[in-house]
Amino acid sequence: MFVLPEGLPLELTPLAFLVGTWEGIGVVSNKYVSKEEATEQKFQQKVTFSVGEGNYLTYHATSRLLGNATDGSEDIELPAELGFWRLAKPAEEADYGPLVLGGTGDRKIKSPEDLEPLRNERGGFDIEASIIHPGGAYEFYAGQVLKGRIDMRTVTGSHMPMHLIEAGKGWGYGERMYGTLTKEGVVKLLWVMEVAASVRDELVPLVSVELDRI
C-alpha cells in the first residue's frame, strides 16, 4: 500500500510516487554524437526526489560509467544533475521566492478537492521541471503526469552552452519519460530520454534506466 510521503504539500500529490531515493543500472548510447559507430555502455545511477518546505520536489541524480573491472577501478564518475519539479500553475502570494522573497497569506490548495480544477483535458496534471548541469547546460521541461507516468519535453528557456555544441554534445531538443512498474511485488522506476538537434529533427535514444527504491 502506497503512503503519501510525510510533509508533502497537497499540490505535489500527483508527483508523490517519485519521492525517495532510487538506484539501478541503465545504458547510455553515444548515437547522437557518433551516428556512424554508435555504441552503448552500462552505467549506474542514483536518483533522489526530496520534499522541502516549498511547492516543488528537489531532484538530484549522480551517475558513473561502469568499466570491466569488478572492483570498480575502471568506473568513471559522470556529471550530476540538479533540478526542481513542480505542478505548472500560476504563482500565488503565499509562494516563497524567487530568491529570498517571502510569501503572505494562505495557499489556495488546502484539500485534495482543490487540486481537481488543475487537471488538464487528458485527466492529468501539467508539470514543469528545471534541470541544471555542471557544464552550464540548463534544461527546462514541460509535460504532464498521468496515472504514475510523466512525459515531458524541453521548451523555450532551455540553454546549451556553445562549448558543448562545438564538441557535438549539445542537443537542441529532448524528451524524457518517467514511470513505475511492479516486478514480483517490487516497485521500480523507469526512465528514458531521447534527444535531437532541434524539435524538427528525428529523436535519437540517449538513456534507458531501471531503478529500485533504496
N, C-alpha and C. Protein backbone atom coordinates (compact mmCIF):
# COMPACT_ATOMS: atom_id res chain seq x y z
N MET A 1 0.84 -1.19 0.00
CA MET A 1 0.00 0.00 0.00
C MET A 1 0.87 1.25 0.00
N PHE A 2 0.61 2.14 -0.94
CA PHE A 2 1.41 3.36 -1.05
C PHE A 2 0.93 4.39 -0.03
N VAL A 3 1.88 4.99 0.70
CA VAL A 3 1.58 6.00 1.69
C VAL A 3 2.21 7.31 1.25
N LEU A 4 1.45 8.41 1.31
CA LEU A 4 1.98 9.70 0.91
C LEU A 4 3.17 10.06 1.80
N PRO A 5 4.25 10.57 1.20
CA PRO A 5 5.43 10.95 1.99
C PRO A 5 5.09 12.02 3.01
N GLU A 6 5.70 11.93 4.17
CA GLU A 6 5.46 12.90 5.23
C GLU A 6 5.92 14.29 4.80
N GLY A 7 5.08 15.29 5.07
CA GLY A 7 5.43 16.66 4.76
C GLY A 7 5.19 17.07 3.32
N LEU A 8 4.64 16.18 2.50
CA LEU A 8 4.41 16.50 1.09
C LEU A 8 3.29 17.53 0.95
N PRO A 9 3.54 18.68 0.31
CA PRO A 9 2.47 19.64 0.07
C PRO A 9 1.37 19.01 -0.77
N LEU A 10 0.12 19.38 -0.51
CA LEU A 10 -1.00 18.78 -1.23
C LEU A 10 -0.86 18.93 -2.74
N GLU A 11 -0.34 20.05 -3.20
CA GLU A 11 -0.28 20.26 -4.64
C GLU A 11 0.74 19.36 -5.32
N LEU A 12 1.59 18.68 -4.55
CA LEU A 12 2.56 17.75 -5.13
C LEU A 12 2.08 16.30 -5.08
N THR A 13 0.85 16.08 -4.64
CA THR A 13 0.32 14.72 -4.56
C THR A 13 0.46 13.95 -5.88
N PRO A 14 0.22 14.56 -7.04
CA PRO A 14 0.38 13.80 -8.29
C PRO A 14 1.81 13.32 -8.55
N LEU A 15 2.80 13.93 -7.87
CA LEU A 15 4.20 13.54 -8.05
C LEU A 15 4.72 12.70 -6.89
N ALA A 16 3.83 12.31 -5.98
CA ALA A 16 4.24 11.62 -4.75
C ALA A 16 4.98 10.32 -5.04
N PHE A 17 4.64 9.62 -6.12
CA PHE A 17 5.27 8.32 -6.40
C PHE A 17 6.76 8.43 -6.67
N LEU A 18 7.25 9.64 -6.98
CA LEU A 18 8.67 9.83 -7.26
C LEU A 18 9.51 9.94 -6.00
N VAL A 19 8.90 10.38 -4.90
CA VAL A 19 9.65 10.75 -3.71
C VAL A 19 10.43 9.56 -3.14
N GLY A 20 11.69 9.82 -2.83
CA GLY A 20 12.56 8.78 -2.29
C GLY A 20 13.87 8.72 -3.06
N THR A 21 14.66 7.71 -2.75
CA THR A 21 15.94 7.50 -3.43
C THR A 21 15.88 6.20 -4.21
N TRP A 22 16.33 6.28 -5.45
CA TRP A 22 16.27 5.15 -6.36
C TRP A 22 17.68 4.89 -6.91
N GLU A 23 17.98 3.62 -7.16
CA GLU A 23 19.30 3.28 -7.70
C GLU A 23 19.19 2.07 -8.61
N GLY A 24 19.98 2.07 -9.68
CA GLY A 24 19.94 0.94 -10.59
C GLY A 24 20.91 1.10 -11.74
N ILE A 25 20.78 0.18 -12.70
CA ILE A 25 21.67 0.12 -13.85
C ILE A 25 20.90 0.45 -15.11
N GLY A 26 21.54 1.19 -16.00
CA GLY A 26 20.94 1.51 -17.28
C GLY A 26 21.98 1.49 -18.37
N VAL A 27 21.58 1.95 -19.56
CA VAL A 27 22.50 2.06 -20.68
C VAL A 27 22.44 3.46 -21.26
N VAL A 28 23.59 3.94 -21.67
CA VAL A 28 23.68 5.23 -22.34
C VAL A 28 24.24 4.99 -23.74
N SER A 29 23.63 5.63 -24.72
CA SER A 29 24.05 5.48 -26.12
C SER A 29 24.78 6.73 -26.58
N ASN A 30 25.82 6.55 -27.38
CA ASN A 30 26.53 7.70 -27.94
C ASN A 30 26.09 7.96 -29.38
N LYS A 31 24.94 7.43 -29.77
CA LYS A 31 24.48 7.55 -31.16
C LYS A 31 24.32 9.00 -31.59
N TYR A 32 23.93 9.86 -30.66
CA TYR A 32 23.71 11.26 -31.05
C TYR A 32 25.01 11.94 -31.48
N VAL A 33 26.12 11.57 -30.83
CA VAL A 33 27.40 12.22 -31.15
C VAL A 33 28.25 11.38 -32.10
N SER A 34 27.88 10.11 -32.28
CA SER A 34 28.66 9.24 -33.16
C SER A 34 27.70 8.34 -33.94
N LYS A 35 27.03 8.91 -34.91
CA LYS A 35 25.99 8.17 -35.66
C LYS A 35 26.55 7.00 -36.44
N GLU A 36 27.79 7.10 -36.90
CA GLU A 36 28.37 6.05 -37.74
C GLU A 36 28.84 4.85 -36.92
N GLU A 37 29.30 5.08 -35.69
CA GLU A 37 29.81 4.00 -34.86
C GLU A 37 29.16 4.05 -33.48
N ALA A 38 27.85 3.95 -33.48
CA ALA A 38 27.11 4.06 -32.23
C ALA A 38 27.34 2.85 -31.34
N THR A 39 27.56 3.12 -30.06
CA THR A 39 27.74 2.06 -29.08
C THR A 39 26.90 2.37 -27.83
N GLU A 40 26.71 1.35 -26.99
CA GLU A 40 26.02 1.54 -25.73
C GLU A 40 26.93 1.10 -24.60
N GLN A 41 26.81 1.75 -23.46
CA GLN A 41 27.62 1.39 -22.31
C GLN A 41 26.75 1.41 -21.06
N LYS A 42 27.00 0.45 -20.17
CA LYS A 42 26.24 0.40 -18.93
C LYS A 42 26.70 1.49 -17.96
N PHE A 43 25.76 2.02 -17.20
CA PHE A 43 26.10 2.96 -16.16
C PHE A 43 25.19 2.76 -14.96
N GLN A 44 25.68 3.18 -13.81
CA GLN A 44 24.91 3.08 -12.57
C GLN A 44 24.44 4.48 -12.20
N GLN A 45 23.20 4.56 -11.73
CA GLN A 45 22.65 5.87 -11.39
C GLN A 45 21.91 5.83 -10.06
N LYS A 46 22.02 6.93 -9.33
CA LYS A 46 21.29 7.12 -8.09
C LYS A 46 20.50 8.41 -8.20
N VAL A 47 19.20 8.32 -8.02
CA VAL A 47 18.30 9.47 -8.18
C VAL A 47 17.52 9.69 -6.89
N THR A 48 17.47 10.93 -6.45
CA THR A 48 16.71 11.28 -5.25
C THR A 48 15.72 12.40 -5.56
N PHE A 49 14.48 12.17 -5.19
CA PHE A 49 13.45 13.21 -5.22
C PHE A 49 13.09 13.49 -3.76
N SER A 50 13.34 14.69 -3.29
CA SER A 50 13.12 15.00 -1.89
C SER A 50 12.12 16.13 -1.71
N VAL A 51 11.47 16.11 -0.55
CA VAL A 51 10.44 17.09 -0.21
C VAL A 51 11.06 18.17 0.67
N GLY A 52 10.82 19.43 0.32
CA GLY A 52 11.28 20.54 1.14
C GLY A 52 10.09 21.33 1.67
N GLU A 53 10.33 22.58 1.99
CA GLU A 53 9.27 23.44 2.51
C GLU A 53 8.47 24.10 1.39
N GLY A 54 8.97 24.06 0.17
CA GLY A 54 8.31 24.75 -0.93
C GLY A 54 7.35 23.86 -1.69
N ASN A 55 6.80 24.40 -2.76
CA ASN A 55 5.83 23.68 -3.58
C ASN A 55 6.51 22.99 -4.76
N TYR A 56 7.62 22.29 -4.47
CA TYR A 56 8.38 21.62 -5.52
C TYR A 56 9.11 20.44 -4.91
N LEU A 57 9.53 19.51 -5.77
CA LEU A 57 10.43 18.43 -5.39
C LEU A 57 11.83 18.80 -5.84
N THR A 58 12.82 18.51 -5.01
CA THR A 58 14.21 18.70 -5.40
C THR A 58 14.72 17.38 -5.99
N TYR A 59 15.32 17.48 -7.16
CA TYR A 59 15.81 16.32 -7.91
C TYR A 59 17.33 16.34 -7.93
N HIS A 60 17.95 15.20 -7.62
CA HIS A 60 19.41 15.09 -7.67
C HIS A 60 19.78 13.72 -8.22
N ALA A 61 20.57 13.70 -9.27
CA ALA A 61 20.97 12.44 -9.90
C ALA A 61 22.49 12.39 -10.05
N THR A 62 23.08 11.27 -9.61
CA THR A 62 24.51 11.04 -9.80
C THR A 62 24.69 9.74 -10.57
N SER A 63 25.71 9.70 -11.42
CA SER A 63 25.89 8.53 -12.30
C SER A 63 27.37 8.24 -12.49
N ARG A 64 27.65 6.98 -12.87
CA ARG A 64 29.01 6.62 -13.23
C ARG A 64 28.99 5.52 -14.28
N LEU A 65 29.86 5.67 -15.28
CA LEU A 65 30.01 4.64 -16.29
C LEU A 65 30.68 3.43 -15.66
N LEU A 66 30.21 2.26 -16.00
CA LEU A 66 30.76 1.03 -15.42
C LEU A 66 31.81 0.43 -16.34
N GLY A 67 33.02 0.27 -15.79
CA GLY A 67 34.09 -0.36 -16.54
C GLY A 67 34.04 -1.87 -16.40
N ASN A 68 35.03 -2.55 -16.95
CA ASN A 68 35.05 -4.01 -16.93
C ASN A 68 35.58 -4.58 -15.61
N ALA A 69 36.34 -3.79 -14.87
CA ALA A 69 36.92 -4.28 -13.63
C ALA A 69 35.85 -4.46 -12.56
N THR A 70 35.83 -5.61 -11.92
CA THR A 70 34.81 -5.90 -10.91
C THR A 70 35.00 -5.07 -9.64
N ASP A 71 36.19 -4.51 -9.42
CA ASP A 71 36.43 -3.71 -8.22
C ASP A 71 36.09 -2.24 -8.42
N GLY A 72 35.57 -1.91 -9.60
CA GLY A 72 35.16 -0.53 -9.85
C GLY A 72 36.29 0.41 -10.23
N SER A 73 37.51 -0.10 -10.35
CA SER A 73 38.66 0.76 -10.63
C SER A 73 38.60 1.41 -12.02
N GLU A 74 37.78 0.85 -12.91
CA GLU A 74 37.68 1.42 -14.26
C GLU A 74 36.40 2.24 -14.44
N ASP A 75 35.63 2.38 -13.37
CA ASP A 75 34.41 3.19 -13.45
C ASP A 75 34.78 4.67 -13.60
N ILE A 76 33.89 5.42 -14.23
CA ILE A 76 34.12 6.85 -14.45
C ILE A 76 32.93 7.64 -13.91
N GLU A 77 33.20 8.55 -13.01
CA GLU A 77 32.13 9.39 -12.46
C GLU A 77 31.65 10.38 -13.50
N LEU A 78 30.34 10.53 -13.63
CA LEU A 78 29.74 11.43 -14.61
C LEU A 78 29.19 12.67 -13.93
N PRO A 79 29.00 13.76 -14.68
CA PRO A 79 28.45 14.98 -14.09
C PRO A 79 27.06 14.73 -13.50
N ALA A 80 26.79 15.36 -12.37
CA ALA A 80 25.49 15.21 -11.71
C ALA A 80 24.45 16.11 -12.35
N GLU A 81 23.19 15.86 -12.01
CA GLU A 81 22.09 16.72 -12.39
C GLU A 81 21.39 17.21 -11.12
N LEU A 82 20.96 18.45 -11.14
CA LEU A 82 20.20 19.02 -10.02
C LEU A 82 19.01 19.75 -10.61
N GLY A 83 17.84 19.55 -10.00
CA GLY A 83 16.66 20.21 -10.57
C GLY A 83 15.53 20.37 -9.58
N PHE A 84 14.48 20.98 -10.08
CA PHE A 84 13.28 21.24 -9.28
C PHE A 84 12.05 20.95 -10.13
N TRP A 85 11.13 20.14 -9.57
CA TRP A 85 9.94 19.69 -10.28
C TRP A 85 8.71 20.21 -9.54
N ARG A 86 7.72 20.68 -10.29
CA ARG A 86 6.53 21.24 -9.69
C ARG A 86 5.34 21.11 -10.62
N LEU A 87 4.13 21.30 -10.07
CA LEU A 87 2.96 21.42 -10.92
C LEU A 87 3.02 22.77 -11.64
N ALA A 88 2.62 22.78 -12.88
CA ALA A 88 2.58 24.03 -13.64
C ALA A 88 1.29 24.77 -13.29
N LYS A 89 1.42 25.82 -12.52
CA LYS A 89 0.25 26.60 -12.11
C LYS A 89 0.70 28.03 -11.83
N PRO A 90 -0.24 28.97 -11.84
CA PRO A 90 0.13 30.36 -11.57
C PRO A 90 0.70 30.52 -10.17
N ALA A 91 1.62 31.47 -10.02
CA ALA A 91 2.19 31.76 -8.71
C ALA A 91 1.13 32.38 -7.80
N GLU A 92 1.29 32.14 -6.51
CA GLU A 92 0.39 32.70 -5.51
C GLU A 92 1.15 33.64 -4.59
N GLU A 93 0.45 34.53 -3.92
CA GLU A 93 1.09 35.42 -2.96
C GLU A 93 1.71 34.63 -1.82
N ALA A 94 1.17 33.44 -1.54
CA ALA A 94 1.69 32.61 -0.44
C ALA A 94 2.99 31.90 -0.80
N ASP A 95 3.33 31.84 -2.09
CA ASP A 95 4.56 31.18 -2.51
C ASP A 95 5.79 31.98 -2.09
N TYR A 96 6.82 31.28 -1.68
CA TYR A 96 8.09 31.93 -1.39
C TYR A 96 8.94 31.97 -2.66
N GLY A 97 9.77 33.01 -2.78
CA GLY A 97 10.64 33.17 -3.93
C GLY A 97 10.03 34.10 -4.97
N PRO A 98 10.79 34.35 -6.04
CA PRO A 98 12.13 33.80 -6.28
C PRO A 98 13.17 34.38 -5.33
N LEU A 99 14.30 33.70 -5.26
CA LEU A 99 15.40 34.05 -4.38
C LEU A 99 14.91 34.11 -2.93
N VAL A 100 15.02 35.25 -2.27
CA VAL A 100 14.69 35.33 -0.84
C VAL A 100 13.37 36.04 -0.58
N LEU A 101 12.56 36.24 -1.60
CA LEU A 101 11.28 36.89 -1.40
C LEU A 101 10.36 35.99 -0.59
N GLY A 102 9.66 36.58 0.37
CA GLY A 102 8.75 35.81 1.21
C GLY A 102 7.37 35.70 0.60
N GLY A 103 6.50 34.96 1.28
CA GLY A 103 5.11 34.80 0.85
C GLY A 103 4.17 35.29 1.94
N THR A 104 2.96 35.62 1.54
CA THR A 104 1.97 36.10 2.50
C THR A 104 0.64 35.38 2.27
N GLY A 105 -0.11 35.20 3.35
CA GLY A 105 -1.44 34.59 3.23
C GLY A 105 -1.38 33.08 3.18
N ASP A 106 -2.54 32.48 2.92
CA ASP A 106 -2.67 31.03 2.88
C ASP A 106 -2.62 30.51 1.45
N ARG A 107 -2.18 29.26 1.31
CA ARG A 107 -2.18 28.63 -0.01
C ARG A 107 -3.60 28.34 -0.45
N LYS A 108 -3.83 28.36 -1.76
CA LYS A 108 -5.16 28.13 -2.30
C LYS A 108 -5.54 26.66 -2.25
N ILE A 109 -4.55 25.78 -2.32
CA ILE A 109 -4.82 24.33 -2.30
C ILE A 109 -4.75 23.85 -0.86
N LYS A 110 -5.91 23.61 -0.26
CA LYS A 110 -5.99 23.22 1.14
C LYS A 110 -6.57 21.82 1.32
N SER A 111 -7.06 21.22 0.23
CA SER A 111 -7.65 19.89 0.30
C SER A 111 -7.45 19.21 -1.05
N PRO A 112 -7.58 17.88 -1.09
CA PRO A 112 -7.45 17.17 -2.38
C PRO A 112 -8.43 17.68 -3.42
N GLU A 113 -9.59 18.12 -2.97
CA GLU A 113 -10.60 18.63 -3.92
C GLU A 113 -10.12 19.89 -4.63
N ASP A 114 -9.26 20.66 -3.96
CA ASP A 114 -8.76 21.89 -4.56
C ASP A 114 -7.83 21.62 -5.73
N LEU A 115 -7.34 20.38 -5.84
CA LEU A 115 -6.46 20.02 -6.96
C LEU A 115 -7.23 19.80 -8.25
N GLU A 116 -8.48 19.40 -8.15
CA GLU A 116 -9.24 18.98 -9.33
C GLU A 116 -9.31 20.03 -10.43
N PRO A 117 -9.48 21.32 -10.12
CA PRO A 117 -9.52 22.32 -11.20
C PRO A 117 -8.22 22.41 -12.00
N LEU A 118 -7.13 21.85 -11.46
CA LEU A 118 -5.85 21.91 -12.15
C LEU A 118 -5.67 20.78 -13.16
N ARG A 119 -6.57 19.82 -13.18
CA ARG A 119 -6.46 18.73 -14.16
C ARG A 119 -6.58 19.28 -15.57
N ASN A 120 -5.78 18.71 -16.49
CA ASN A 120 -5.89 19.11 -17.88
C ASN A 120 -6.95 18.29 -18.59
N GLU A 121 -7.13 18.55 -19.88
CA GLU A 121 -8.21 17.90 -20.63
C GLU A 121 -7.99 16.40 -20.79
N ARG A 122 -6.77 15.91 -20.53
CA ARG A 122 -6.48 14.48 -20.63
C ARG A 122 -6.63 13.77 -19.28
N GLY A 123 -6.95 14.53 -18.25
CA GLY A 123 -7.14 13.94 -16.92
C GLY A 123 -5.90 13.93 -16.06
N GLY A 124 -4.79 14.44 -16.58
CA GLY A 124 -3.56 14.51 -15.83
C GLY A 124 -3.32 15.91 -15.28
N PHE A 125 -2.08 16.15 -14.86
CA PHE A 125 -1.70 17.46 -14.34
C PHE A 125 -0.48 17.95 -15.11
N ASP A 126 -0.51 19.19 -15.56
CA ASP A 126 0.63 19.77 -16.24
C ASP A 126 1.75 20.01 -15.22
N ILE A 127 2.99 19.72 -15.62
CA ILE A 127 4.13 19.89 -14.73
C ILE A 127 5.24 20.65 -15.43
N GLU A 128 6.17 21.15 -14.61
CA GLU A 128 7.39 21.79 -15.10
C GLU A 128 8.58 21.21 -14.33
N ALA A 129 9.71 21.10 -15.01
CA ALA A 129 10.93 20.63 -14.36
C ALA A 129 12.12 21.41 -14.92
N SER A 130 12.91 21.97 -14.03
CA SER A 130 14.14 22.64 -14.45
C SER A 130 15.32 21.80 -13.97
N ILE A 131 16.25 21.53 -14.88
CA ILE A 131 17.39 20.66 -14.58
C ILE A 131 18.67 21.36 -15.04
N ILE A 132 19.65 21.48 -14.13
CA ILE A 132 20.91 22.14 -14.47
C ILE A 132 22.05 21.12 -14.42
N HIS A 133 23.10 21.40 -15.21
CA HIS A 133 24.25 20.52 -15.33
C HIS A 133 25.52 21.32 -15.02
N PRO A 134 26.57 20.68 -14.49
CA PRO A 134 27.79 21.39 -14.12
C PRO A 134 28.45 22.11 -15.29
N GLY A 135 28.28 21.62 -16.51
CA GLY A 135 28.92 22.22 -17.67
C GLY A 135 28.22 23.44 -18.21
N GLY A 136 27.16 23.90 -17.52
CA GLY A 136 26.48 25.11 -17.96
C GLY A 136 25.19 24.87 -18.71
N ALA A 137 24.86 23.60 -19.00
CA ALA A 137 23.60 23.31 -19.69
C ALA A 137 22.44 23.47 -18.71
N TYR A 138 21.34 23.97 -19.23
CA TYR A 138 20.13 24.15 -18.44
C TYR A 138 18.95 23.69 -19.27
N GLU A 139 18.19 22.73 -18.75
CA GLU A 139 17.03 22.21 -19.47
C GLU A 139 15.76 22.57 -18.71
N PHE A 140 14.81 23.14 -19.43
CA PHE A 140 13.51 23.46 -18.84
C PHE A 140 12.46 22.61 -19.56
N TYR A 141 11.78 21.75 -18.78
CA TYR A 141 10.82 20.80 -19.34
C TYR A 141 9.39 21.19 -19.01
N ALA A 142 8.50 20.88 -19.92
CA ALA A 142 7.07 20.99 -19.69
C ALA A 142 6.43 19.68 -20.13
N GLY A 143 5.43 19.25 -19.39
CA GLY A 143 4.78 17.99 -19.72
C GLY A 143 3.61 17.73 -18.81
N GLN A 144 3.34 16.45 -18.58
CA GLN A 144 2.23 16.11 -17.70
C GLN A 144 2.54 14.83 -16.93
N VAL A 145 1.85 14.68 -15.79
CA VAL A 145 1.87 13.44 -15.03
C VAL A 145 0.47 12.87 -15.06
N LEU A 146 0.37 11.60 -15.43
CA LEU A 146 -0.94 10.94 -15.56
C LEU A 146 -0.79 9.48 -15.17
N LYS A 147 -1.48 9.08 -14.11
CA LYS A 147 -1.51 7.68 -13.67
C LYS A 147 -0.10 7.11 -13.47
N GLY A 148 0.73 7.85 -12.76
CA GLY A 148 2.06 7.34 -12.45
C GLY A 148 3.05 7.37 -13.60
N ARG A 149 2.77 8.16 -14.60
CA ARG A 149 3.70 8.29 -15.73
C ARG A 149 3.88 9.76 -16.05
N ILE A 150 5.13 10.13 -16.33
CA ILE A 150 5.47 11.50 -16.68
C ILE A 150 6.04 11.53 -18.09
N ASP A 151 5.49 12.38 -18.92
CA ASP A 151 6.03 12.64 -20.25
C ASP A 151 6.31 14.14 -20.34
N MET A 152 7.54 14.50 -20.69
CA MET A 152 7.86 15.92 -20.76
C MET A 152 8.92 16.18 -21.83
N ARG A 153 8.96 17.41 -22.29
CA ARG A 153 9.85 17.80 -23.38
C ARG A 153 10.48 19.16 -23.06
N THR A 154 11.64 19.42 -23.63
CA THR A 154 12.28 20.71 -23.41
C THR A 154 11.53 21.80 -24.18
N VAL A 155 11.49 22.98 -23.57
CA VAL A 155 10.78 24.11 -24.17
C VAL A 155 11.67 25.34 -24.09
N THR A 156 11.14 26.47 -24.59
CA THR A 156 11.86 27.72 -24.57
C THR A 156 12.34 28.05 -23.16
N GLY A 157 13.57 28.46 -23.07
CA GLY A 157 14.18 28.72 -21.76
C GLY A 157 15.34 27.78 -21.50
N SER A 158 15.35 26.65 -22.22
CA SER A 158 16.48 25.73 -22.11
C SER A 158 17.73 26.37 -22.74
N HIS A 159 18.88 25.95 -22.28
CA HIS A 159 20.13 26.54 -22.78
C HIS A 159 21.21 25.48 -22.86
N MET A 160 21.88 25.43 -23.99
CA MET A 160 23.01 24.54 -24.19
C MET A 160 24.21 25.42 -24.55
N PRO A 161 25.25 25.49 -23.70
CA PRO A 161 26.37 26.39 -23.96
C PRO A 161 27.14 26.03 -25.23
N MET A 162 27.76 27.04 -25.82
CA MET A 162 28.44 26.87 -27.10
C MET A 162 29.56 25.85 -27.04
N HIS A 163 30.26 25.74 -25.91
CA HIS A 163 31.39 24.79 -25.87
C HIS A 163 30.91 23.35 -26.00
N LEU A 164 29.66 23.06 -25.56
CA LEU A 164 29.11 21.71 -25.75
C LEU A 164 28.63 21.51 -27.18
N ILE A 165 28.05 22.55 -27.75
CA ILE A 165 27.59 22.46 -29.14
C ILE A 165 28.77 22.24 -30.08
N GLU A 166 29.86 22.97 -29.85
CA GLU A 166 31.04 22.84 -30.72
C GLU A 166 31.68 21.45 -30.58
N ALA A 167 31.49 20.81 -29.43
CA ALA A 167 32.03 19.46 -29.23
C ALA A 167 31.09 18.39 -29.73
N GLY A 168 29.94 18.79 -30.29
CA GLY A 168 28.97 17.84 -30.81
C GLY A 168 28.13 17.18 -29.74
N LYS A 169 28.15 17.73 -28.52
CA LYS A 169 27.43 17.12 -27.41
C LYS A 169 26.20 17.92 -26.98
N GLY A 170 25.91 18.98 -27.68
CA GLY A 170 24.78 19.82 -27.30
C GLY A 170 23.55 19.55 -28.15
N TRP A 171 22.47 19.12 -27.52
CA TRP A 171 21.23 18.90 -28.27
C TRP A 171 20.32 20.12 -28.10
N GLY A 172 19.45 20.30 -29.08
CA GLY A 172 18.54 21.44 -29.03
C GLY A 172 17.16 21.08 -28.53
N TYR A 173 16.89 19.78 -28.43
CA TYR A 173 15.55 19.33 -28.01
C TYR A 173 15.68 17.97 -27.35
N GLY A 174 14.92 17.77 -26.28
CA GLY A 174 14.95 16.50 -25.59
C GLY A 174 13.59 16.11 -25.03
N GLU A 175 13.36 14.82 -24.90
CA GLU A 175 12.14 14.30 -24.29
C GLU A 175 12.52 13.27 -23.24
N ARG A 176 11.82 13.30 -22.10
CA ARG A 176 12.02 12.32 -21.04
C ARG A 176 10.69 11.69 -20.67
N MET A 177 10.76 10.40 -20.29
CA MET A 177 9.59 9.69 -19.78
C MET A 177 10.00 9.00 -18.49
N TYR A 178 9.21 9.19 -17.44
CA TYR A 178 9.40 8.51 -16.16
C TYR A 178 8.13 7.74 -15.83
N GLY A 179 8.27 6.53 -15.32
CA GLY A 179 7.09 5.76 -14.95
C GLY A 179 7.47 4.63 -14.02
N THR A 180 6.50 4.11 -13.31
CA THR A 180 6.74 3.00 -12.40
C THR A 180 6.10 1.73 -12.92
N LEU A 181 6.69 0.60 -12.55
CA LEU A 181 6.09 -0.71 -12.81
C LEU A 181 6.42 -1.61 -11.63
N THR A 182 5.65 -2.66 -11.48
CA THR A 182 5.87 -3.59 -10.37
C THR A 182 6.30 -4.94 -10.91
N LYS A 183 7.48 -5.40 -10.47
CA LYS A 183 8.00 -6.71 -10.85
C LYS A 183 8.12 -7.57 -9.60
N GLU A 184 7.38 -8.66 -9.57
CA GLU A 184 7.41 -9.59 -8.44
C GLU A 184 7.20 -8.85 -7.11
N GLY A 185 6.26 -7.92 -7.13
CA GLY A 185 5.90 -7.19 -5.93
C GLY A 185 6.81 -6.03 -5.59
N VAL A 186 7.83 -5.77 -6.42
CA VAL A 186 8.78 -4.67 -6.17
C VAL A 186 8.51 -3.55 -7.16
N VAL A 187 8.34 -2.33 -6.63
CA VAL A 187 8.08 -1.17 -7.48
C VAL A 187 9.41 -0.64 -8.02
N LYS A 188 9.47 -0.44 -9.31
CA LYS A 188 10.66 0.09 -9.96
C LYS A 188 10.32 1.38 -10.69
N LEU A 189 11.30 2.26 -10.79
CA LEU A 189 11.15 3.50 -11.54
C LEU A 189 11.95 3.39 -12.83
N LEU A 190 11.28 3.55 -13.95
CA LEU A 190 11.94 3.51 -15.25
C LEU A 190 11.98 4.92 -15.82
N TRP A 191 13.07 5.24 -16.49
CA TRP A 191 13.06 6.49 -17.25
C TRP A 191 13.93 6.37 -18.49
N VAL A 192 13.49 7.04 -19.53
CA VAL A 192 14.19 7.03 -20.80
C VAL A 192 14.28 8.46 -21.32
N MET A 193 15.28 8.71 -22.13
CA MET A 193 15.47 10.04 -22.71
C MET A 193 15.91 9.90 -24.16
N GLU A 194 15.35 10.77 -25.00
CA GLU A 194 15.73 10.87 -26.40
C GLU A 194 16.04 12.33 -26.70
N VAL A 195 16.98 12.56 -27.63
CA VAL A 195 17.39 13.92 -27.94
C VAL A 195 17.46 14.11 -29.45
N ALA A 196 17.47 15.38 -29.86
CA ALA A 196 17.58 15.73 -31.27
C ALA A 196 18.22 17.11 -31.38
N ALA A 197 18.74 17.40 -32.56
CA ALA A 197 19.37 18.72 -32.77
C ALA A 197 18.35 19.84 -32.64
N SER A 198 17.11 19.57 -33.05
CA SER A 198 16.03 20.55 -32.92
C SER A 198 14.71 19.80 -32.84
N VAL A 199 13.65 20.51 -32.57
CA VAL A 199 12.34 19.89 -32.45
C VAL A 199 11.88 19.32 -33.78
N ARG A 200 12.47 19.75 -34.87
CA ARG A 200 12.09 19.28 -36.21
C ARG A 200 12.86 18.04 -36.64
N ASP A 201 13.89 17.67 -35.88
CA ASP A 201 14.73 16.53 -36.26
C ASP A 201 14.30 15.25 -35.56
N GLU A 202 14.75 14.13 -36.10
CA GLU A 202 14.40 12.82 -35.54
C GLU A 202 15.06 12.61 -34.18
N LEU A 203 14.30 12.10 -33.24
CA LEU A 203 14.82 11.83 -31.91
C LEU A 203 15.75 10.61 -31.93
N VAL A 204 16.79 10.68 -31.10
CA VAL A 204 17.78 9.61 -31.00
C VAL A 204 17.83 9.14 -29.54
N PRO A 205 17.77 7.82 -29.29
CA PRO A 205 17.85 7.32 -27.91
C PRO A 205 19.15 7.75 -27.24
N LEU A 206 19.06 8.16 -25.97
CA LEU A 206 20.24 8.55 -25.22
C LEU A 206 20.38 7.73 -23.93
N VAL A 207 19.30 7.62 -23.15
CA VAL A 207 19.36 6.96 -21.85
C VAL A 207 18.16 6.05 -21.66
N SER A 208 18.40 4.91 -21.03
CA SER A 208 17.34 4.00 -20.59
C SER A 208 17.79 3.37 -19.28
N VAL A 209 16.99 3.55 -18.21
CA VAL A 209 17.40 3.11 -16.87
C VAL A 209 16.23 2.47 -16.13
N GLU A 210 16.54 1.47 -15.32
CA GLU A 210 15.57 0.84 -14.42
C GLU A 210 16.13 0.95 -13.00
N LEU A 211 15.38 1.61 -12.12
CA LEU A 211 15.85 1.91 -10.77
C LEU A 211 14.99 1.25 -9.71
N ASP A 212 15.63 0.83 -8.62
CA ASP A 212 14.94 0.28 -7.47
C ASP A 212 14.94 1.31 -6.34
N ARG A 213 13.87 1.34 -5.57
CA ARG A 213 13.84 2.22 -4.40
C ARG A 213 14.75 1.65 -3.32
N ILE A 214 15.57 2.49 -2.70
CA ILE A 214 16.51 2.03 -1.68
C ILE A 214 16.26 2.78 -0.37
